């Protein structure tokens, strides 16, 4: 119920169901609403779990697949460091024939 209420605040389709007191929504309708609002940066799903015995790993990965954009749905960009005085923005395209570009990071907590 709380999920539907929060989605109703930002999504017109869910708002219509909420105002008509239709709270028995299918998982597909809720997933579509969550995805729409994640892509428009109005909603952020949060997953909790533990890597211990893989508790919570699969639901988190399912959420990545269900809600986050795939690489063809976003424009990735970077800065051309070959010209240090100019901060030229470069948009990357998905092309197997061009050199690989990736971003790697590691978070560490002490």
PDB file of N, CA and C in Angstrom:
ATOM      1  N   UNK A   1       0.816  -1.196   0.000  1.00  0.00           N
ATOM      2  CA  UNK A   1       0.000   0.000   0.000  1.00  0.00           C
ATOM      3  C   UNK A   1       0.863   1.265   0.000  1.00  0.00           C
ATOM      4  N   UNK A   2       1.935   1.246   0.814  1.00  0.00           N
ATOM      5  CA  UNK A   2       2.806   2.418   0.898  1.00  0.00           C
ATOM      6  C   UNK A   2       3.528   2.659  -0.428  1.00  0.00           C
ATOM      7  N   UNK A   3       3.935   1.581  -1.105  1.00  0.00           N
ATOM      8  CA  UNK A   3       4.580   1.710  -2.415  1.00  0.00           C
ATOM      9  C   UNK A   3       3.630   2.366  -3.410  1.00  0.00           C
ATOM     10  N   UNK A   4       2.389   1.935  -3.421  1.00  0.00           N
ATOM     11  CA  UNK A   4       1.401   2.497  -4.354  1.00  0.00           C
ATOM     12  C   UNK A   4       1.177   3.974  -4.043  1.00  0.00           C
ATOM     13  N   UNK A   5       1.121   4.311  -2.763  1.00  0.00           N
ATOM     14  CA  UNK A   5       0.917   5.708  -2.369  1.00  0.00           C
ATOM     15  C   UNK A   5       2.081   6.582  -2.822  1.00  0.00           C
ATOM     16  N   UNK A   6       3.305   6.108  -2.621  1.00  0.00           N
ATOM     17  CA  UNK A   6       4.484   6.885  -3.038  1.00  0.00           C
ATOM     18  C   UNK A   6       4.550   7.019  -4.561  1.00  0.00           C
ATOM     19  N   UNK A   7       4.226   5.944  -5.276  1.00  0.00           N
ATOM     20  CA  UNK A   7       4.220   6.014  -6.733  1.00  0.00           C
ATOM     21  C   UNK A   7       3.111   6.930  -7.238  1.00  0.00           C
ATOM     22  N   UNK A   8       1.982   6.963  -6.540  1.00  0.00           N
ATOM     23  CA  UNK A   8       0.862   7.816  -6.950  1.00  0.00           C
ATOM     24  C   UNK A   8       1.239   9.292  -6.906  1.00  0.00           C
ATOM     25  N   UNK A   9       2.179   9.649  -6.045  1.00  0.00           N
ATOM     26  CA  UNK A   9       2.615  11.039  -5.938  1.00  0.00           C
ATOM     27  C   UNK A   9       3.391  11.493  -7.174  1.00  0.00           C
ATOM     28  N   UNK A  10       3.975  10.550  -7.917  1.00  0.00           N
ATOM     29  CA  UNK A  10       4.840  10.931  -9.044  1.00  0.00           C
ATOM     30  C   UNK A  10       4.419  10.327 -10.375  1.00  0.00           C
ATOM     31  N   UNK A  11       3.455   9.422 -10.394  1.00  0.00           N
ATOM     32  CA  UNK A  11       3.074   8.726 -11.627  1.00  0.00           C
ATOM     33  C   UNK A  11       1.563   8.859 -11.841  1.00  0.00           C
ATOM     34  N   UNK A  12       1.163   9.408 -12.992  1.00  0.00           N
ATOM     35  CA  UNK A  12      -0.252   9.661 -13.264  1.00  0.00           C
ATOM     36  C   UNK A  12      -1.075   8.379 -13.359  1.00  0.00           C
ATOM     37  N   UNK A  13      -0.514   7.339 -13.952  1.00  0.00           N
ATOM     38  CA  UNK A  13      -1.254   6.088 -14.094  1.00  0.00           C
ATOM     39  C   UNK A  13      -1.559   5.462 -12.730  1.00  0.00           C
ATOM     40  N   UNK A  14      -0.568   5.437 -11.862  1.00  0.00           N
ATOM     41  CA  UNK A  14      -0.765   4.881 -10.528  1.00  0.00           C
ATOM     42  C   UNK A  14      -1.657   5.811  -9.698  1.00  0.00           C
ATOM     43  N   UNK A  15      -1.527   7.102  -9.910  1.00  0.00           N
ATOM     44  CA  UNK A  15      -2.377   8.060  -9.210  1.00  0.00           C
ATOM     45  C   UNK A  15      -3.851   7.798  -9.514  1.00  0.00           C
ATOM     46  N   UNK A  16      -4.152   7.501 -10.769  1.00  0.00           N
ATOM     47  CA  UNK A  16      -5.533   7.201 -11.163  1.00  0.00           C
ATOM     48  C   UNK A  16      -6.057   5.973 -10.419  1.00  0.00           C
ATOM     49  N   UNK A  17      -5.257   4.927 -10.336  1.00  0.00           N
ATOM     50  CA  UNK A  17      -5.646   3.731  -9.589  1.00  0.00           C
ATOM     51  C   UNK A  17      -5.829   4.051  -8.097  1.00  0.00           C
ATOM     52  N   UNK A  18      -4.920   4.859  -7.570  1.00  0.00           N
ATOM     53  CA  UNK A  18      -4.965   5.204  -6.149  1.00  0.00           C
ATOM     54  C   UNK A  18      -6.224   6.009  -5.812  1.00  0.00           C
ATOM     55  N   UNK A  19      -6.548   6.987  -6.652  1.00  0.00           N
ATOM     56  CA  UNK A  19      -7.726   7.810  -6.404  1.00  0.00           C
ATOM     57  C   UNK A  19      -9.027   7.015  -6.548  1.00  0.00           C
ATOM     58  N   UNK A  20      -9.012   6.005  -7.404  1.00  0.00           N
ATOM     59  CA  UNK A  20     -10.181   5.137  -7.568  1.00  0.00           C
ATOM     60  C   UNK A  20     -10.180   3.990  -6.560  1.00  0.00           C
ATOM     61  N   UNK A  21      -9.241   4.043  -5.615  1.00  0.00           N
ATOM     62  CA  UNK A  21      -9.096   3.031  -4.566  1.00  0.00           C
ATOM     63  C   UNK A  21      -8.927   1.621  -5.128  1.00  0.00           C
ATOM     64  N   UNK A  22      -8.194   1.532  -6.218  1.00  0.00           N
ATOM     65  CA  UNK A  22      -7.836   0.245  -6.824  1.00  0.00           C
ATOM     66  C   UNK A  22      -6.417  -0.090  -6.357  1.00  0.00           C
ATOM     67  N   UNK A  23      -6.321  -0.828  -5.280  1.00  0.00           N
ATOM     68  CA  UNK A  23      -5.022  -1.117  -4.691  1.00  0.00           C
ATOM     69  C   UNK A  23      -4.484  -2.489  -5.069  1.00  0.00           C
ATOM     70  N   UNK A  24      -5.272  -3.288  -5.755  1.00  0.00           N
ATOM     71  CA  UNK A  24      -4.855  -4.638  -6.150  1.00  0.00           C
ATOM     72  C   UNK A  24      -4.231  -4.585  -7.545  1.00  0.00           C
ATOM     73  N   UNK A  25      -3.072  -3.960  -7.638  1.00  0.00           N
ATOM     74  CA  UNK A  25      -2.396  -3.793  -8.926  1.00  0.00           C
ATOM     75  C   UNK A  25      -1.478  -4.980  -9.200  1.00  0.00           C
ATOM     76  N   UNK A  26      -1.344  -5.329 -10.465  1.00  0.00           N
ATOM     77  CA  UNK A  26      -0.468  -6.447 -10.819  1.00  0.00           C
ATOM     78  C   UNK A  26       0.994  -6.028 -10.683  1.00  0.00           C
ATOM     79  N   UNK A  27       1.837  -7.023 -10.560  1.00  0.00           N
ATOM     80  CA  UNK A  27       3.279  -6.761 -10.456  1.00  0.00           C
ATOM     81  C   UNK A  27       3.795  -6.077 -11.713  1.00  0.00           C
ATOM     82  N   UNK A  28       3.248  -6.421 -12.876  1.00  0.00           N
ATOM     83  CA  UNK A  28       3.687  -5.799 -14.135  1.00  0.00           C
ATOM     84  C   UNK A  28       3.386  -4.303 -14.164  1.00  0.00           C
ATOM     85  N   UNK A  29       2.214  -3.907 -13.654  1.00  0.00           N
ATOM     86  CA  UNK A  29       1.843  -2.490 -13.624  1.00  0.00           C
ATOM     87  C   UNK A  29       2.778  -1.730 -12.681  1.00  0.00           C
ATOM     88  N   UNK A  30       3.063  -2.306 -11.526  1.00  0.00           N
ATOM     89  CA  UNK A  30       3.959  -1.659 -10.579  1.00  0.00           C
ATOM     90  C   UNK A  30       5.385  -1.577 -11.117  1.00  0.00           C
ATOM     91  N   UNK A  31       5.860  -2.664 -11.725  1.00  0.00           N
ATOM     92  CA  UNK A  31       7.217  -2.650 -12.291  1.00  0.00           C
ATOM     93  C   UNK A  31       7.346  -1.602 -13.387  1.00  0.00           C
ATOM     94  N   UNK A  32       6.323  -1.496 -14.242  1.00  0.00           N
ATOM     95  CA  UNK A  32       6.354  -0.501 -15.320  1.00  0.00           C
ATOM     96  C   UNK A  32       6.388   0.912 -14.747  1.00  0.00           C
ATOM     97  N   UNK A  33       5.611   1.166 -13.697  1.00  0.00           N
ATOM     98  CA  UNK A  33       5.596   2.489 -13.070  1.00  0.00           C
ATOM     99  C   UNK A  33       6.935   2.796 -12.415  1.00  0.00           C
ATOM    100  N   UNK A  34       7.501   1.822 -11.732  1.00  0.00           N
ATOM    101  CA  UNK A  34       8.804   2.027 -11.098  1.00  0.00           C
ATOM    102  C   UNK A  34       9.854   2.319 -12.158  1.00  0.00           C
ATOM    103  N   UNK A  35       9.862   1.538 -13.238  1.00  0.00           N
ATOM    104  CA  UNK A  35      10.852   1.746 -14.308  1.00  0.00           C
ATOM    105  C   UNK A  35      10.709   3.137 -14.928  1.00  0.00           C
ATOM    106  N   UNK A  36       9.470   3.553 -15.233  1.00  0.00           N
ATOM    107  CA  UNK A  36       9.246   4.883 -15.821  1.00  0.00           C
ATOM    108  C   UNK A  36       9.831   5.970 -14.938  1.00  0.00           C
ATOM    109  N   UNK A  37       9.601   5.844 -13.645  1.00  0.00           N
ATOM    110  CA  UNK A  37      10.033   6.898 -12.732  1.00  0.00           C
ATOM    111  C   UNK A  37      11.503   6.815 -12.374  1.00  0.00           C
ATOM    112  N   UNK A  38      12.092   5.635 -12.434  1.00  0.00           N
ATOM    113  CA  UNK A  38      13.548   5.519 -12.265  1.00  0.00           C
ATOM    114  C   UNK A  38      14.240   6.164 -13.465  1.00  0.00           C
ATOM    115  N   UNK A  39      13.737   5.886 -14.668  1.00  0.00           N
ATOM    116  CA  UNK A  39      14.352   6.466 -15.860  1.00  0.00           C
ATOM    117  C   UNK A  39      14.222   7.984 -15.894  1.00  0.00           C
ATOM    118  N   UNK A  40      13.137   8.519 -15.330  1.00  0.00           N
ATOM    119  CA  UNK A  40      12.967   9.970 -15.295  1.00  0.00           C
ATOM    120  C   UNK A  40      13.589  10.581 -14.032  1.00  0.00           C
ATOM    121  N   UNK A  41      14.258   9.749 -13.241  1.00  0.00           N
ATOM    122  CA  UNK A  41      14.976  10.159 -12.028  1.00  0.00           C
ATOM    123  C   UNK A  41      14.060  10.770 -10.961  1.00  0.00           C
ATOM    124  N   UNK A  42      12.857  10.228 -10.863  1.00  0.00           N
ATOM    125  CA  UNK A  42      11.919  10.663  -9.833  1.00  0.00           C
ATOM    126  C   UNK A  42      11.792   9.642  -8.707  1.00  0.00           C
ATOM    127  N   UNK A  43      12.305   8.435  -8.916  1.00  0.00           N
ATOM    128  CA  UNK A  43      12.130   7.337  -7.968  1.00  0.00           C
ATOM    129  C   UNK A  43      13.414   6.535  -7.906  1.00  0.00           C
ATOM    130  N   UNK A  44      13.820   6.148  -6.702  1.00  0.00           N
ATOM    131  CA  UNK A  44      15.033   5.354  -6.531  1.00  0.00           C
ATOM    132  C   UNK A  44      14.695   4.103  -5.727  1.00  0.00           C
ATOM    133  N   UNK A  45      14.743   2.932  -6.356  1.00  0.00           N
ATOM    134  CA  UNK A  45      14.506   1.711  -5.586  1.00  0.00           C
ATOM    135  C   UNK A  45      15.725   1.395  -4.723  1.00  0.00           C
ATOM    136  N   UNK A  46      15.474   0.875  -3.537  1.00  0.00           N
ATOM    137  CA  UNK A  46      16.552   0.521  -2.611  1.00  0.00           C
ATOM    138  C   UNK A  46      16.396  -0.950  -2.262  1.00  0.00           C
ATOM    139  N   UNK A  47      17.468  -1.696  -2.393  1.00  0.00           N
ATOM    140  CA  UNK A  47      17.467  -3.119  -2.086  1.00  0.00           C
ATOM    141  C   UNK A  47      18.374  -3.357  -0.889  1.00  0.00           C
ATOM    142  N   UNK A  48      17.928  -4.220   0.001  1.00  0.00           N
ATOM    143  CA  UNK A  48      18.747  -4.569   1.156  1.00  0.00           C
ATOM    144  C   UNK A  48      19.007  -6.069   1.125  1.00  0.00           C
ATOM    145  N   UNK A  49      20.180  -6.438   1.525  1.00  0.00           N
ATOM    146  CA  UNK A  49      20.527  -7.848   1.543  1.00  0.00           C
ATOM    147  C   UNK A  49      21.940  -8.023   2.026  1.00  0.00           C
ATOM    148  N   UNK A  50      22.431  -9.215   1.832  1.00  0.00           N
ATOM    149  CA  UNK A  50      23.781  -9.533   2.274  1.00  0.00           C
ATOM    150  C   UNK A  50      24.426 -10.442   1.245  1.00  0.00           C
ATOM    151  N   UNK A  51      25.711 -10.263   1.046  1.00  0.00           N
ATOM    152  CA  UNK A  51      26.439 -11.172   0.171  1.00  0.00           C
ATOM    153  C   UNK A  51      26.704 -12.501   0.872  1.00  0.00           C
ATOM    154  N   UNK A  52      26.555 -12.521   2.196  1.00  0.00           N
ATOM    155  CA  UNK A  52      26.750 -13.756   2.953  1.00  0.00           C
ATOM    156  C   UNK A  52      25.693 -14.761   2.539  1.00  0.00           C
ATOM    157  N   UNK A  53      26.126 -15.887   2.041  1.00  0.00           N
ATOM    158  CA  UNK A  53      25.250 -16.948   1.532  1.00  0.00           C
ATOM    159  C   UNK A  53      24.339 -16.446   0.410  1.00  0.00           C
ATOM    160  N   UNK A  54      24.783 -15.379  -0.289  1.00  0.00           N
ATOM    161  CA  UNK A  54      24.064 -14.805  -1.425  1.00  0.00           C
ATOM    162  C   UNK A  54      22.645 -14.363  -1.098  1.00  0.00           C
ATOM    163  N   UNK A  55      22.395 -13.949   0.116  1.00  0.00           N
ATOM    164  CA  UNK A  55      21.076 -13.439   0.501  1.00  0.00           C
ATOM    165  C   UNK A  55      20.925 -12.027  -0.058  1.00  0.00           C
ATOM    166  N   UNK A  56      19.970 -11.822  -0.897  1.00  0.00           N
ATOM    167  CA  UNK A  56      19.695 -10.501  -1.436  1.00  0.00           C
ATOM    168  C   UNK A  56      20.386 -10.199  -2.746  1.00  0.00           C
ATOM    169  N   UNK A  57      21.291 -11.046  -3.195  1.00  0.00           N
ATOM    170  CA  UNK A  57      22.010 -10.778  -4.438  1.00  0.00           C
ATOM    171  C   UNK A  57      21.090 -10.905  -5.643  1.00  0.00           C
ATOM    172  N   UNK A  58      20.345 -12.008  -5.729  1.00  0.00           N
ATOM    173  CA  UNK A  58      19.481 -12.219  -6.888  1.00  0.00           C
ATOM    174  C   UNK A  58      18.370 -11.177  -6.995  1.00  0.00           C
ATOM    175  N   UNK A  59      17.680 -10.808  -5.902  1.00  0.00           N
ATOM    176  CA  UNK A  59      16.679  -9.736  -6.030  1.00  0.00           C
ATOM    177  C   UNK A  59      17.282  -8.408  -6.494  1.00  0.00           C
ATOM    178  N   UNK A  60      18.508  -8.098  -6.043  1.00  0.00           N
ATOM    179  CA  UNK A  60      19.153  -6.872  -6.475  1.00  0.00           C
ATOM    180  C   UNK A  60      19.466  -6.920  -7.968  1.00  0.00           C
ATOM    181  N   UNK A  61      19.972  -8.051  -8.449  1.00  0.00           N
ATOM    182  CA  UNK A  61      20.262  -8.192  -9.874  1.00  0.00           C
ATOM    183  C   UNK A  61      18.986  -8.151 -10.704  1.00  0.00           C
ATOM    184  N   UNK A  62      17.915  -8.760 -10.193  1.00  0.00           N
ATOM    185  CA  UNK A  62      16.621  -8.687 -10.882  1.00  0.00           C
ATOM    186  C   UNK A  62      16.141  -7.241 -10.963  1.00  0.00           C
ATOM    187  N   UNK A  63      16.360  -6.467  -9.899  1.00  0.00           N
ATOM    188  CA  UNK A  63      15.984  -5.061  -9.902  1.00  0.00           C
ATOM    189  C   UNK A  63      16.775  -4.253 -10.918  1.00  0.00           C
ATOM    190  N   UNK A  64      18.053  -4.555 -11.064  1.00  0.00           N
ATOM    191  CA  UNK A  64      18.875  -3.882 -12.079  1.00  0.00           C
ATOM    192  C   UNK A  64      18.290  -4.139 -13.466  1.00  0.00           C
ATOM    193  N   UNK A  65      17.927  -5.380 -13.727  1.00  0.00           N
ATOM    194  CA  UNK A  65      17.367  -5.735 -15.036  1.00  0.00           C
ATOM    195  C   UNK A  65      15.997  -5.101 -15.234  1.00  0.00           C
ATOM    196  N   UNK A  66      15.157  -5.126 -14.198  1.00  0.00           N
ATOM    197  CA  UNK A  66      13.783  -4.638 -14.329  1.00  0.00           C
ATOM    198  C   UNK A  66      13.672  -3.123 -14.389  1.00  0.00           C
ATOM    199  N   UNK A  67      14.534  -2.395 -13.664  1.00  0.00           N
ATOM    200  CA  UNK A  67      14.298  -0.971 -13.474  1.00  0.00           C
ATOM    201  C   UNK A  67      15.321  -0.031 -14.094  1.00  0.00           C
ATOM    202  N   UNK A  68      16.557  -0.446 -14.234  1.00  0.00           N
ATOM    203  CA  UNK A  68      17.588   0.469 -14.723  1.00  0.00           C
ATOM    204  C   UNK A  68      17.689   0.435 -16.243  1.00  0.00           C
ATOM    205  N   UNK A  69      18.143   1.527 -16.846  1.00  0.00           N
ATOM    206  CA  UNK A  69      18.253   1.566 -18.311  1.00  0.00           C
ATOM    207  C   UNK A  69      19.386   0.681 -18.807  1.00  0.00           C
ATOM    208  N   UNK A  70      19.202   0.123 -19.996  1.00  0.00           N
ATOM    209  CA  UNK A  70      20.307  -0.612 -20.601  1.00  0.00           C
ATOM    210  C   UNK A  70      21.168   0.386 -21.371  1.00  0.00           C
ATOM    211  N   UNK A  71      22.370   0.019 -21.765  1.00  0.00           N
ATOM    212  CA  UNK A  71      23.296   0.972 -22.382  1.00  0.00           C
ATOM    213  C   UNK A  71      22.765   1.657 -23.636  1.00  0.00           C
ATOM    214  N   UNK A  72      21.836   1.041 -24.354  1.00  0.00           N
ATOM    215  CA  UNK A  72      21.311   1.679 -25.565  1.00  0.00           C
ATOM    216  C   UNK A  72      20.272   2.752 -25.248  1.00  0.00           C
ATOM    217  N   UNK A  73      19.832   2.843 -23.996  1.00  0.00           N
ATOM    218  CA  UNK A  73      18.804   3.819 -23.622  1.00  0.00           C
ATOM    219  C   UNK A  73      19.362   5.102 -23.009  1.00  0.00           C
ATOM    220  N   UNK A  74      20.667   5.189 -22.851  1.00  0.00           N
ATOM    221  CA  UNK A  74      21.281   6.375 -22.252  1.00  0.00           C
ATOM    222  C   UNK A  74      22.449   6.839 -23.109  1.00  0.00           C
ATOM    223  N   UNK A  75      22.831   8.084 -22.910  1.00  0.00           N
ATOM    224  CA  UNK A  75      24.007   8.620 -23.578  1.00  0.00           C
ATOM    225  C   UNK A  75      25.122   8.703 -22.559  1.00  0.00           C
ATOM    226  N   UNK A  76      26.204   8.005 -22.823  1.00  0.00           N
ATOM    227  CA  UNK A  76      27.365   8.035 -21.935  1.00  0.00           C
ATOM    228  C   UNK A  76      28.377   9.021 -22.495  1.00  0.00           C
ATOM    229  N   UNK A  77      28.997   9.778 -21.625  1.00  0.00           N
ATOM    230  CA  UNK A  77      29.965  10.768 -22.087  1.00  0.00           C
ATOM    231  C   UNK A  77      31.154  10.825 -21.137  1.00  0.00           C
ATOM    232  N   UNK A  78      32.200  11.440 -21.611  1.00  0.00           N
ATOM    233  CA  UNK A  78      33.414  11.599 -20.833  1.00  0.00           C
ATOM    234  C   UNK A  78      34.124  12.873 -21.255  1.00  0.00           C
ATOM    235  N   UNK A  79      35.322  13.076 -20.738  1.00  0.00           N
ATOM    236  CA  UNK A  79      36.115  14.259 -21.059  1.00  0.00           C
ATOM    237  C   UNK A  79      37.367  13.811 -21.795  1.00  0.00           C
ATOM    238  N   UNK A  80      37.672  14.486 -22.871  1.00  0.00           N
ATOM    239  CA  UNK A  80      38.864  14.186 -23.659  1.00  0.00           C
ATOM    240  C   UNK A  80      40.088  14.729 -22.927  1.00  0.00           C
ATOM    241  N   UNK A  81      40.900  13.824 -22.353  1.00  0.00           N
ATOM    242  CA  UNK A  81      42.065  14.263 -21.569  1.00  0.00           C
ATOM    243  C   UNK A  81      43.294  14.522 -22.434  1.00  0.00           C
ATOM    244  N   UNK A  82      43.186  14.291 -23.736  1.00  0.00           N
ATOM    245  CA  UNK A  82      44.335  14.573 -24.601  1.00  0.00           C
ATOM    246  C   UNK A  82      44.534  16.079 -24.767  1.00  0.00           C
ATOM    247  N   UNK A  83      43.524  16.870 -24.410  1.00  0.00           N
ATOM    248  CA  UNK A  83      43.619  18.330 -24.453  1.00  0.00           C
ATOM    249  C   UNK A  83      43.324  18.858 -23.045  1.00  0.00           C
ATOM    250  N   UNK A  84      44.344  18.911 -22.166  1.00  0.00           N
ATOM    251  CA  UNK A  84      44.097  19.262 -20.764  1.00  0.00           C
ATOM    252  C   UNK A  84      43.556  20.671 -20.549  1.00  0.00           C
ATOM    253  N   UNK A  85      43.844  21.604 -21.453  1.00  0.00           N
ATOM    254  CA  UNK A  85      43.359  22.978 -21.274  1.00  0.00           C
ATOM    255  C   UNK A  85      41.880  23.098 -21.639  1.00  0.00           C
ATOM    256  N   UNK A  86      41.416  22.210 -22.493  1.00  0.00           N
ATOM    257  CA  UNK A  86      40.014  22.222 -22.913  1.00  0.00           C
ATOM    258  C   UNK A  86      39.314  21.035 -22.267  1.00  0.00           C
ATOM    259  N   UNK A  87      38.168  21.249 -21.728  1.00  0.00           N
ATOM    260  CA  UNK A  87      37.381  20.150 -21.169  1.00  0.00           C
ATOM    261  C   UNK A  87      36.313  19.770 -22.182  1.00  0.00           C
ATOM    262  N   UNK A  88      36.763  19.132 -23.251  1.00  0.00           N
ATOM    263  CA  UNK A  88      35.865  18.762 -24.336  1.00  0.00           C
ATOM    264  C   UNK A  88      35.079  17.518 -23.967  1.00  0.00           C
ATOM    265  N   UNK A  89      33.774  17.641 -24.014  1.00  0.00           N
ATOM    266  CA  UNK A  89      32.890  16.514 -23.708  1.00  0.00           C
ATOM    267  C   UNK A  89      32.804  15.616 -24.942  1.00  0.00           C
ATOM    268  N   UNK A  90      32.941  14.311 -24.706  1.00  0.00           N
ATOM    269  CA  UNK A  90      32.883  13.327 -25.785  1.00  0.00           C
ATOM    270  C   UNK A  90      31.759  12.343 -25.462  1.00  0.00           C
ATOM    271  N   UNK A  91      30.828  12.181 -26.394  1.00  0.00           N
ATOM    272  CA  UNK A  91      29.768  11.186 -26.228  1.00  0.00           C
ATOM    273  C   UNK A  91      30.246   9.853 -26.784  1.00  0.00           C
ATOM    274  N   UNK A  92      30.037   8.785 -26.015  1.00  0.00           N
ATOM    275  CA  UNK A  92      30.457   7.463 -26.432  1.00  0.00           C
ATOM    276  C   UNK A  92      29.308   6.759 -27.133  1.00  0.00           C
ATOM    277  N   UNK A  93      29.633   5.990 -28.129  1.00  0.00           N
ATOM    278  CA  UNK A  93      28.629   5.183 -28.806  1.00  0.00           C
ATOM    279  C   UNK A  93      28.968   3.708 -28.612  1.00  0.00           C
ATOM    280  N   UNK A  94      27.960   2.882 -28.662  1.00  0.00           N
ATOM    281  CA  UNK A  94      28.175   1.443 -28.529  1.00  0.00           C
ATOM    282  C   UNK A  94      28.591   0.910 -29.886  1.00  0.00           C
ATOM    283  N   UNK A  95      29.843   0.482 -29.967  1.00  0.00           N
ATOM    284  CA  UNK A  95      30.374  -0.005 -31.226  1.00  0.00           C
ATOM    285  C   UNK A  95      31.490  -1.001 -30.906  1.00  0.00           C
ATOM    286  N   UNK A  96      31.293  -2.245 -31.277  1.00  0.00           N
ATOM    287  CA  UNK A  96      32.276  -3.296 -30.989  1.00  0.00           C
ATOM    288  C   UNK A  96      33.590  -3.085 -31.722  1.00  0.00           C
ATOM    289  N   UNK A  97      33.578  -2.317 -32.795  1.00  0.00           N
ATOM    290  CA  UNK A  97      34.789  -2.113 -33.588  1.00  0.00           C
ATOM    291  C   UNK A  97      35.682  -1.000 -33.025  1.00  0.00           C
ATOM    292  N   UNK A  98      35.162  -0.215 -32.086  1.00  0.00           N
ATOM    293  CA  UNK A  98      35.954   0.858 -31.488  1.00  0.00           C
ATOM    294  C   UNK A  98      36.595   0.355 -30.200  1.00  0.00           C
ATOM    295  N   UNK A  99      37.631   1.051 -29.696  1.00  0.00           N
ATOM    296  CA  UNK A  99      38.304   0.619 -28.465  1.00  0.00           C
ATOM    297  C   UNK A  99      37.349   0.606 -27.273  1.00  0.00           C
ATOM    298  N   UNK A 100      37.620  -0.290 -26.344  1.00  0.00           N
ATOM    299  CA  UNK A 100      36.820  -0.420 -25.129  1.00  0.00           C
ATOM    300  C   UNK A 100      37.033   0.780 -24.218  1.00  0.00           C
ATOM    301  N   UNK A 101      35.951   1.272 -23.667  1.00  0.00           N
ATOM    302  CA  UNK A 101      36.004   2.326 -22.667  1.00  0.00           C
ATOM    303  C   UNK A 101      35.170   1.843 -21.493  1.00  0.00           C
ATOM    304  N   UNK A 102      35.727   1.881 -20.306  1.00  0.00           N
ATOM    305  CA  UNK A 102      34.992   1.421 -19.133  1.00  0.00           C
ATOM    306  C   UNK A 102      35.306   2.275 -17.923  1.00  0.00           C
ATOM    307  N   UNK A 103      34.463   2.151 -16.914  1.00  0.00           N
ATOM    308  CA  UNK A 103      34.651   2.844 -15.658  1.00  0.00           C
ATOM    309  C   UNK A 103      34.689   1.793 -14.565  1.00  0.00           C
ATOM    310  N   UNK A 104      35.756   1.782 -13.809  1.00  0.00           N
ATOM    311  CA  UNK A 104      35.895   0.814 -12.724  1.00  0.00           C
ATOM    312  C   UNK A 104      36.058   1.587 -11.419  1.00  0.00           C
ATOM    313  N   UNK A 105      35.434   1.086 -10.381  1.00  0.00           N
ATOM    314  CA  UNK A 105      35.570   1.717  -9.077  1.00  0.00           C
ATOM    315  C   UNK A 105      35.441   0.664  -7.999  1.00  0.00           C
ATOM    316  N   UNK A 106      35.938   1.006  -6.839  1.00  0.00           N
ATOM    317  CA  UNK A 106      35.851   0.096  -5.714  1.00  0.00           C
ATOM    318  C   UNK A 106      35.553   0.926  -4.472  1.00  0.00           C
ATOM    319  N   UNK A 107      34.586   0.477  -3.726  1.00  0.00           N
ATOM    320  CA  UNK A 107      34.270   1.121  -2.459  1.00  0.00           C
ATOM    321  C   UNK A 107      34.845   0.274  -1.343  1.00  0.00           C
ATOM    322  N   UNK A 108      35.423   0.935  -0.374  1.00  0.00           N
ATOM    323  CA  UNK A 108      36.022   0.198   0.734  1.00  0.00           C
ATOM    324  C   UNK A 108      35.644   0.899   2.022  1.00  0.00           C
ATOM    325  N   UNK A 109      35.235   0.109   2.996  1.00  0.00           N
ATOM    326  CA  UNK A 109      34.869   0.665   4.282  1.00  0.00           C
ATOM    327  C   UNK A 109      35.760   0.049   5.335  1.00  0.00           C
ATOM    328  N   UNK A 110      36.325   0.867   6.179  1.00  0.00           N
ATOM    329  CA  UNK A 110      37.206   0.379   7.248  1.00  0.00           C
ATOM    330  C   UNK A 110      36.479   0.306   8.551  1.00  0.00           C
TER     331      UNK A 110
END
